[in-house]
N, C-alpha and C. Protein backbone atom coordinates (compact mmCIF):
# COMPACT_ATOMS: atom_id res chain seq x y z
N UNK A 1 0.07 -9.64 -17.31
CA UNK A 1 0.05 -8.27 -17.41
C UNK A 1 0.33 -7.26 -15.93
N UNK A 2 1.29 -6.63 -16.04
CA UNK A 2 1.91 -5.99 -14.86
C UNK A 2 1.43 -4.51 -14.63
N UNK A 3 0.98 -4.23 -13.59
CA UNK A 3 0.36 -2.91 -13.54
C UNK A 3 1.21 -2.11 -12.31
N UNK A 4 1.44 -1.11 -12.51
CA UNK A 4 2.33 -0.24 -11.71
C UNK A 4 1.57 0.43 -10.41
N UNK A 5 2.37 0.77 -9.41
CA UNK A 5 1.46 1.45 -8.29
C UNK A 5 1.32 2.76 -8.42
N UNK A 6 0.23 3.65 -8.07
CA UNK A 6 0.26 4.95 -8.18
C UNK A 6 0.54 5.38 -6.69
N UNK A 7 1.45 6.55 -6.85
CA UNK A 7 2.01 7.22 -5.69
C UNK A 7 1.40 8.80 -6.07
N UNK A 8 0.98 9.15 -4.78
CA UNK A 8 0.56 10.82 -4.74
C UNK A 8 1.84 11.53 -4.20
N UNK A 9 2.26 12.56 -5.05
CA UNK A 9 3.56 13.16 -4.64
C UNK A 9 3.17 13.81 -3.23
N UNK A 10 2.05 14.35 -2.93
CA UNK A 10 1.99 15.02 -1.46
C UNK A 10 2.15 14.07 -0.59
N UNK A 11 1.66 12.84 -0.67
CA UNK A 11 1.92 11.71 0.32
C UNK A 11 3.13 11.14 0.57
N UNK A 12 4.10 11.19 -0.55
CA UNK A 12 5.51 10.59 -0.39
C UNK A 12 6.20 11.81 0.02
N UNK A 13 5.99 13.15 -0.22
CA UNK A 13 6.50 14.23 0.42
C UNK A 13 6.32 14.24 1.94
N UNK A 14 5.15 14.14 2.22
CA UNK A 14 4.91 14.02 3.85
C UNK A 14 5.48 12.76 4.56
N UNK A 15 5.71 11.74 3.96
CA UNK A 15 6.40 10.51 4.39
C UNK A 15 8.10 10.83 4.34
N UNK A 16 8.33 11.42 3.55
CA UNK A 16 10.02 12.15 3.67
C UNK A 16 10.36 12.90 4.65
N UNK A 17 9.34 13.92 4.92
CA UNK A 17 9.42 14.95 5.81
C UNK A 17 9.34 14.39 7.21
N UNK A 18 8.30 13.42 7.30
CA UNK A 18 8.28 12.60 8.59
C UNK A 18 9.61 12.00 8.91
N UNK A 19 10.10 11.32 7.89
CA UNK A 19 11.29 10.33 8.05
C UNK A 19 12.55 11.50 8.37
N UNK A 20 12.49 12.45 7.95
CA UNK A 20 13.75 13.37 8.23
C UNK A 20 13.69 13.76 9.82
N UNK A 21 12.46 14.27 10.01
CA UNK A 21 11.88 14.71 11.66
C UNK A 21 12.52 13.60 12.63
N UNK A 22 11.94 12.51 12.40
CA UNK A 22 12.25 11.47 13.31
C UNK A 22 13.68 10.84 13.33
N UNK A 23 14.32 10.85 12.11
CA UNK A 23 15.40 10.40 12.12
C UNK A 23 16.77 11.48 12.36
N UNK A 24 16.34 12.64 12.25
CA UNK A 24 17.46 13.74 12.60
C UNK A 24 16.96 14.67 13.61
N UNK A 25 15.60 15.01 13.57
CA UNK A 25 15.18 16.02 14.50
C UNK A 25 15.07 15.43 15.95
N UNK A 26 14.44 14.11 16.18
CA UNK A 26 14.47 13.70 17.49
C UNK A 26 15.63 13.24 18.19
N UNK A 27 16.68 12.66 17.55
CA UNK A 27 18.02 12.53 18.16
C UNK A 27 18.50 13.67 18.39
N UNK A 28 18.59 14.76 17.55
CA UNK A 28 18.99 16.12 17.76
C UNK A 28 18.57 16.64 19.11
N UNK A 29 17.28 16.50 19.27
CA UNK A 29 16.56 17.15 20.36
C UNK A 29 17.24 16.45 21.94
N UNK A 30 17.27 14.92 21.69
CA UNK A 30 17.80 14.29 22.67
C UNK A 30 19.07 14.72 23.00
N UNK A 31 20.11 14.99 22.06
CA UNK A 31 21.50 15.38 22.51
C UNK A 31 21.45 16.60 23.06
N UNK A 32 20.44 17.77 22.79
CA UNK A 32 20.46 19.02 23.14
C UNK A 32 19.62 19.27 24.40
N UNK A 33 19.03 18.31 24.91
CA UNK A 33 18.28 18.20 25.96
C UNK A 33 19.23 18.72 27.18
N UNK A 34 18.60 19.73 28.00
CA UNK A 34 19.58 20.23 29.09
C UNK A 34 19.44 19.30 30.17
N UNK A 35 20.44 18.96 30.82
CA UNK A 35 20.61 18.25 32.04
C UNK A 35 22.06 17.69 32.05
N UNK A 36 22.75 17.49 31.06
CA UNK A 36 24.10 17.24 31.03
C UNK A 36 24.20 15.70 30.80
N UNK A 37 23.22 15.10 30.85
CA UNK A 37 23.39 13.38 30.54
C UNK A 37 23.24 13.00 28.72
N UNK A 38 23.91 12.30 28.40
CA UNK A 38 23.95 11.88 26.76
C UNK A 38 22.94 10.91 26.88
N UNK A 39 22.13 11.03 25.74
CA UNK A 39 21.08 9.95 25.73
C UNK A 39 21.76 8.54 25.49
N UNK A 40 21.00 7.66 25.50
CA UNK A 40 21.40 6.06 25.18
C UNK A 40 21.92 6.21 23.97
N UNK A 41 22.73 5.08 23.41
CA UNK A 41 23.38 5.20 22.17
C UNK A 41 22.14 4.48 21.13
N UNK A 42 20.95 3.94 21.70
CA UNK A 42 20.20 3.72 20.68
C UNK A 42 19.21 4.72 20.19
N UNK A 43 19.34 5.65 20.71
CA UNK A 43 18.28 7.01 20.45
C UNK A 43 18.60 7.46 18.99
N UNK A 44 19.72 7.57 18.52
CA UNK A 44 20.21 8.11 17.15
C UNK A 44 19.79 7.04 16.18
N UNK A 45 19.89 5.72 16.66
CA UNK A 45 19.90 4.62 15.62
C UNK A 45 18.55 3.86 15.48
N UNK A 46 17.83 4.15 16.38
CA UNK A 46 16.41 3.52 16.59
C UNK A 46 15.55 4.22 15.30
N UNK A 47 15.35 5.72 15.20
CA UNK A 47 14.50 5.95 14.03
C UNK A 47 14.90 5.44 12.55
N UNK A 48 16.17 5.34 12.24
CA UNK A 48 16.29 5.06 11.03
C UNK A 48 16.17 3.62 10.61
N UNK A 49 16.40 2.66 11.66
CA UNK A 49 16.16 1.32 11.69
C UNK A 49 14.58 1.20 11.58
N UNK A 50 13.93 1.72 12.25
CA UNK A 50 12.29 1.54 12.44
C UNK A 50 11.75 2.04 10.79
N UNK A 51 12.29 3.29 10.26
CA UNK A 51 11.93 3.54 8.93
C UNK A 51 12.24 2.70 7.78
N UNK A 52 13.33 2.10 8.01
CA UNK A 52 13.76 1.01 7.19
C UNK A 52 12.93 -0.23 7.09
N UNK A 53 12.58 -0.74 8.34
CA UNK A 53 11.67 -1.67 8.58
C UNK A 53 10.38 -1.26 7.81
N UNK A 54 9.65 0.03 8.22
CA UNK A 54 8.42 0.32 7.47
C UNK A 54 8.54 0.28 5.94
N UNK A 55 9.52 1.08 5.46
CA UNK A 55 9.60 1.18 3.95
C UNK A 55 9.80 -0.19 3.38
N UNK A 56 10.63 -1.07 4.14
CA UNK A 56 10.82 -2.43 3.38
C UNK A 56 9.68 -3.28 3.30
N UNK A 57 8.66 -2.97 4.17
CA UNK A 57 7.47 -3.76 4.31
C UNK A 57 6.45 -3.11 3.37
N UNK A 58 6.81 -2.04 2.88
CA UNK A 58 5.84 -1.58 1.85
C UNK A 58 6.33 -1.45 0.47
N UNK A 59 7.52 -1.32 0.29
CA UNK A 59 8.07 -1.41 -1.25
C UNK A 59 8.86 -2.59 -1.58
N UNK A 60 8.92 -2.97 -2.50
CA UNK A 60 8.21 -2.71 -3.85
C UNK A 60 6.85 -2.97 -3.89
N UNK A 61 6.03 -2.33 -4.79
CA UNK A 61 4.53 -2.45 -5.04
C UNK A 61 4.30 -2.75 -6.41
N UNK A 62 3.64 -3.94 -6.76
CA UNK A 62 2.99 -3.88 -8.15
C UNK A 62 2.08 -4.81 -8.02
N UNK A 63 1.32 -5.13 -9.16
CA UNK A 63 0.15 -6.07 -9.11
C UNK A 63 0.06 -6.48 -10.66
N UNK A 64 0.04 -8.12 -10.71
CA UNK A 64 0.15 -8.69 -12.07
C UNK A 64 -1.09 -9.42 -12.00
N UNK A 65 -1.86 -9.26 -13.24
CA UNK A 65 -2.97 -9.91 -13.58
C UNK A 65 -2.49 -11.13 -14.57
N UNK A 66 -2.59 -12.38 -13.86
CA UNK A 66 -1.89 -13.71 -14.32
C UNK A 66 -3.15 -14.36 -14.86
N UNK A 67 -2.68 -15.59 -15.61
CA UNK A 67 -3.65 -16.18 -16.45
C UNK A 67 -4.80 -17.02 -15.10
N UNK A 68 -4.14 -17.35 -14.16
CA UNK A 68 -4.81 -18.08 -12.81
C UNK A 68 -5.16 -17.19 -11.83
N UNK A 69 -4.87 -16.14 -11.68
CA UNK A 69 -5.37 -15.11 -10.76
C UNK A 69 -4.32 -13.82 -10.57
N UNK A 70 -4.92 -12.98 -9.36
CA UNK A 70 -4.32 -11.79 -9.19
C UNK A 70 -3.39 -11.82 -8.25
N UNK A 71 -1.98 -11.29 -8.80
CA UNK A 71 -0.92 -11.33 -7.69
C UNK A 71 -0.50 -9.79 -7.16
N UNK A 72 -0.63 -9.64 -5.97
CA UNK A 72 -0.37 -8.30 -5.34
C UNK A 72 0.87 -8.49 -4.56
N UNK A 73 1.94 -7.53 -4.76
CA UNK A 73 3.31 -7.68 -4.31
C UNK A 73 3.21 -6.13 -3.35
N UNK A 74 3.34 -6.25 -2.16
CA UNK A 74 3.36 -5.02 -1.38
C UNK A 74 4.34 -5.31 -0.22
N UNK A 75 5.58 -5.01 -0.68
CA UNK A 75 6.85 -5.21 0.46
C UNK A 75 7.31 -6.56 0.51
N UNK A 76 7.15 -7.04 1.78
CA UNK A 76 7.39 -8.62 2.20
C UNK A 76 6.02 -9.18 1.75
N UNK A 77 4.85 -8.81 1.52
CA UNK A 77 3.83 -9.51 1.45
C UNK A 77 3.69 -10.06 0.07
N UNK A 78 3.28 -11.14 -0.36
CA UNK A 78 3.17 -11.60 -1.70
C UNK A 78 1.80 -12.26 -1.49
N UNK A 79 0.60 -11.75 -2.31
CA UNK A 79 -0.53 -12.31 -2.14
C UNK A 79 -0.84 -12.80 -3.49
N UNK A 80 -1.47 -14.00 -3.56
CA UNK A 80 -2.10 -14.45 -4.96
C UNK A 80 -3.60 -14.76 -4.55
N UNK A 81 -4.38 -14.17 -5.38
CA UNK A 81 -5.94 -14.49 -5.21
C UNK A 81 -6.48 -14.93 -6.35
N UNK A 82 -6.82 -16.30 -6.49
CA UNK A 82 -7.53 -16.90 -7.73
C UNK A 82 -8.81 -16.26 -8.02
N UNK A 83 -8.89 -16.02 -9.46
CA UNK A 83 -10.08 -15.29 -9.87
C UNK A 83 -11.42 -15.60 -9.40
N UNK A 84 -11.60 -17.17 -9.12
CA UNK A 84 -12.97 -17.45 -8.32
C UNK A 84 -12.90 -16.78 -6.99
N UNK A 85 -12.23 -16.70 -6.34
CA UNK A 85 -12.13 -16.27 -5.06
C UNK A 85 -12.38 -14.60 -4.84
N UNK A 86 -12.33 -13.95 -5.88
CA UNK A 86 -12.62 -12.66 -5.82
C UNK A 86 -13.99 -12.40 -5.68
N UNK A 87 -14.31 -11.50 -4.90
CA UNK A 87 -15.72 -11.02 -4.47
C UNK A 87 -16.13 -9.55 -5.03
N UNK A 88 -14.99 -9.14 -5.18
CA UNK A 88 -15.26 -7.45 -5.79
C UNK A 88 -14.25 -6.83 -5.85
N UNK A 89 -14.35 -5.53 -6.66
CA UNK A 89 -13.08 -4.53 -6.62
C UNK A 89 -13.95 -3.15 -6.82
N UNK A 90 -13.69 -2.42 -5.81
CA UNK A 90 -14.26 -1.30 -6.02
C UNK A 90 -13.12 0.19 -5.61
N UNK A 91 -13.56 1.34 -6.13
CA UNK A 91 -12.68 2.25 -6.06
C UNK A 91 -12.93 2.98 -4.71
N UNK A 92 -12.01 3.47 -4.02
CA UNK A 92 -12.21 4.29 -2.82
C UNK A 92 -11.13 5.21 -2.45
N UNK A 93 -11.71 6.33 -2.26
CA UNK A 93 -10.72 7.45 -1.84
C UNK A 93 -10.86 7.76 -0.48
N UNK A 94 -9.52 7.91 0.03
CA UNK A 94 -9.25 7.99 1.41
C UNK A 94 -8.01 8.54 1.75
N UNK A 95 -7.72 9.46 2.59
CA UNK A 95 -6.48 10.10 2.99
C UNK A 95 -5.83 9.32 4.40
N UNK A 96 -6.56 8.29 4.86
CA UNK A 96 -5.99 7.66 6.01
C UNK A 96 -4.69 6.90 5.69
N UNK A 97 -3.92 6.63 6.62
CA UNK A 97 -2.70 6.05 6.07
C UNK A 97 -3.04 4.23 5.78
N UNK A 98 -2.04 3.92 4.97
CA UNK A 98 -2.21 2.65 4.44
C UNK A 98 -1.00 2.11 4.02
N UNK A 99 -1.02 0.91 3.53
CA UNK A 99 0.17 0.37 2.80
C UNK A 99 0.63 1.12 1.54
N UNK A 100 -0.36 1.67 1.00
CA UNK A 100 -0.09 2.11 -0.32
C UNK A 100 -0.03 3.80 -0.15
N UNK A 101 0.53 4.28 -1.17
CA UNK A 101 1.02 5.81 -0.89
C UNK A 101 0.33 6.65 -1.80
N UNK A 102 -1.05 6.44 -1.86
CA UNK A 102 -1.86 6.96 -2.68
C UNK A 102 -3.50 7.22 -2.06
N UNK A 103 -4.18 8.46 -2.08
CA UNK A 103 -5.47 8.39 -1.64
C UNK A 103 -6.46 7.98 -2.70
N UNK A 104 -5.99 7.52 -3.95
CA UNK A 104 -7.21 7.19 -5.19
C UNK A 104 -6.63 5.58 -5.03
N UNK A 105 -7.71 4.70 -4.33
CA UNK A 105 -7.42 3.21 -4.30
C UNK A 105 -8.37 2.42 -4.62
N UNK A 106 -8.09 1.04 -4.67
CA UNK A 106 -9.09 0.07 -5.13
C UNK A 106 -9.10 -0.68 -3.90
N UNK A 107 -10.23 -1.19 -3.71
CA UNK A 107 -10.39 -2.23 -2.46
C UNK A 107 -10.62 -3.56 -3.06
N UNK A 108 -9.84 -4.38 -3.13
CA UNK A 108 -9.94 -5.88 -3.25
C UNK A 108 -10.69 -6.73 -2.32
N UNK A 109 -11.85 -7.48 -2.58
CA UNK A 109 -12.52 -8.34 -1.40
C UNK A 109 -12.51 -9.67 -2.05
N UNK A 110 -12.40 -10.50 -1.28
CA UNK A 110 -12.55 -12.14 -1.57
C UNK A 110 -13.60 -12.66 -0.84
N UNK A 111 -14.08 -13.72 -1.33
CA UNK A 111 -15.10 -14.48 -0.84
C UNK A 111 -15.09 -15.02 0.66
N UNK A 112 -13.84 -14.99 0.88
CA UNK A 112 -13.52 -15.66 2.55
C UNK A 112 -13.32 -14.08 3.53
N UNK A 113 -13.79 -13.08 2.73
CA UNK A 113 -13.60 -11.85 3.76
C UNK A 113 -12.62 -11.22 3.66
N UNK A 114 -11.54 -11.51 3.19
CA UNK A 114 -10.23 -10.61 3.20
C UNK A 114 -10.34 -9.34 2.23
N UNK A 115 -9.53 -8.38 2.67
CA UNK A 115 -9.92 -7.10 1.99
C UNK A 115 -8.34 -6.71 1.68
N UNK A 116 -7.86 -6.17 0.61
CA UNK A 116 -6.67 -5.66 0.27
C UNK A 116 -6.91 -4.24 -0.52
N UNK A 117 -6.04 -3.13 0.06
CA UNK A 117 -6.05 -1.79 -0.55
C UNK A 117 -5.03 -1.88 -1.57
N UNK A 118 -5.32 -1.35 -2.54
CA UNK A 118 -4.12 -1.43 -3.76
C UNK A 118 -4.43 0.01 -4.57
N UNK A 119 -3.35 0.29 -5.09
CA UNK A 119 -3.33 1.72 -5.88
C UNK A 119 -2.66 1.52 -7.14
N UNK A 120 -3.36 1.43 -8.12
CA UNK A 120 -2.99 1.11 -9.49
C UNK A 120 -3.01 2.41 -10.40
N UNK A 121 -2.00 2.58 -11.22
CA UNK A 121 -1.92 3.86 -12.09
C UNK A 121 -2.92 3.66 -13.09
N UNK A 122 -3.19 2.71 -13.80
CA UNK A 122 -4.26 2.32 -14.83
C UNK A 122 -5.39 1.59 -14.06
N UNK A 123 -6.18 2.32 -13.47
CA UNK A 123 -7.22 1.64 -12.51
C UNK A 123 -8.36 1.15 -13.64
N UNK A 124 -8.65 1.79 -14.48
CA UNK A 124 -9.72 1.26 -15.54
C UNK A 124 -9.29 0.08 -16.21
N UNK A 125 -7.99 0.13 -16.66
CA UNK A 125 -7.80 -0.94 -17.56
C UNK A 125 -7.41 -1.92 -16.63
N UNK A 126 -6.97 -1.79 -15.41
CA UNK A 126 -7.02 -2.83 -14.49
C UNK A 126 -8.24 -3.65 -14.20
N UNK A 127 -9.22 -2.95 -14.02
CA UNK A 127 -10.49 -3.41 -13.62
C UNK A 127 -11.27 -4.12 -14.92
N UNK A 128 -10.97 -3.66 -16.06
CA UNK A 128 -11.42 -4.25 -17.12
C UNK A 128 -10.71 -5.75 -17.34
N UNK A 129 -9.38 -5.83 -17.09
CA UNK A 129 -8.73 -7.11 -17.14
C UNK A 129 -9.19 -7.90 -16.29
N UNK A 130 -9.38 -7.54 -14.94
CA UNK A 130 -10.15 -8.49 -14.14
C UNK A 130 -11.36 -9.00 -14.25
N UNK A 131 -12.06 -7.98 -14.71
CA UNK A 131 -13.54 -8.35 -15.32
C UNK A 131 -13.60 -9.43 -16.52
N UNK A 132 -12.44 -9.31 -17.51
CA UNK A 132 -12.57 -10.40 -18.54
C UNK A 132 -12.02 -11.68 -17.94
N UNK A 133 -11.23 -11.63 -16.90
CA UNK A 133 -11.06 -13.20 -16.44
C UNK A 133 -11.83 -13.55 -15.30
N UNK A 134 -12.70 -12.67 -14.85
CA UNK A 134 -13.68 -13.25 -13.81
C UNK A 134 -15.16 -13.13 -14.31
N UNK A 135 -15.67 -14.12 -14.83
CA UNK A 135 -17.06 -13.94 -15.47
C UNK A 135 -18.11 -13.83 -14.41
N UNK A 136 -17.96 -14.27 -13.17
CA UNK A 136 -18.57 -13.99 -12.10
C UNK A 136 -18.95 -12.89 -11.35
N UNK A 137 -18.12 -11.86 -11.81
CA UNK A 137 -18.09 -10.63 -11.35
C UNK A 137 -18.65 -9.62 -12.40
N UNK A 138 -19.72 -8.68 -12.14
CA UNK A 138 -20.28 -7.92 -12.81
C UNK A 138 -19.82 -6.34 -12.77
N UNK A 139 -20.01 -5.83 -13.84
CA UNK A 139 -19.53 -4.23 -13.79
C UNK A 139 -20.32 -3.53 -12.78
N UNK A 140 -19.93 -2.57 -11.79
CA UNK A 140 -20.79 -1.79 -11.00
C UNK A 140 -20.34 -0.36 -11.45
N UNK A 141 -21.07 0.53 -10.71
CA UNK A 141 -20.57 1.86 -11.10
C UNK A 141 -19.30 2.20 -10.55
N UNK A 142 -18.67 1.76 -9.41
CA UNK A 142 -17.49 1.93 -9.11
C UNK A 142 -16.47 0.73 -8.96
N UNK A 143 -16.54 -0.14 -9.78
CA UNK A 143 -15.77 -1.37 -9.91
C UNK A 143 -16.53 -2.63 -10.48
N UNK A 144 -16.34 -3.84 -9.63
CA UNK A 144 -16.66 -4.98 -10.13
C UNK A 144 -17.40 -5.43 -9.00
N UNK A 145 -18.46 -6.26 -9.05
CA UNK A 145 -19.09 -6.95 -7.76
C UNK A 145 -19.71 -8.17 -8.12
N UNK A 146 -20.21 -9.11 -7.16
CA UNK A 146 -20.69 -10.47 -7.49
C UNK A 146 -21.89 -10.12 -8.11
N UNK A 147 -22.27 -11.45 -9.23
CA UNK A 147 -23.43 -11.12 -9.83
C UNK A 147 -24.64 -11.92 -9.02
N UNK A 148 -25.73 -11.53 -8.95
CA UNK A 148 -26.71 -12.08 -8.04
C UNK A 148 -27.75 -12.83 -8.95
């Protein structure tokens, strides 16, 4: 079962504005700088190349609840977590930057200490699907956790 990524509009607008400022504004300032020297040729090329690298490392994003485990796709990263390796899933809200473009996130933690931030559109359904496939996880107030 595939789950789509949640995107906060305000965060997407902020990223678009930041990309416009860095791709257009900074090179324009470099060309308009007093002193008569033209900036190096890489000045107008570098910001769009960096944004292309950043966006391709974060997009596309989706999450699949498979028969044998959870599959997380975030740009170049393809992460597979077998259900027995899951230690918990808890909801978290945070406005700090991350791989996901939402402040309403889920923190997926594994038994070996790894942690992944994801943002799922249907987070309640997602958590219930993981809970059905992971009998070692018990419902908690804000997600799932290991049974004691």
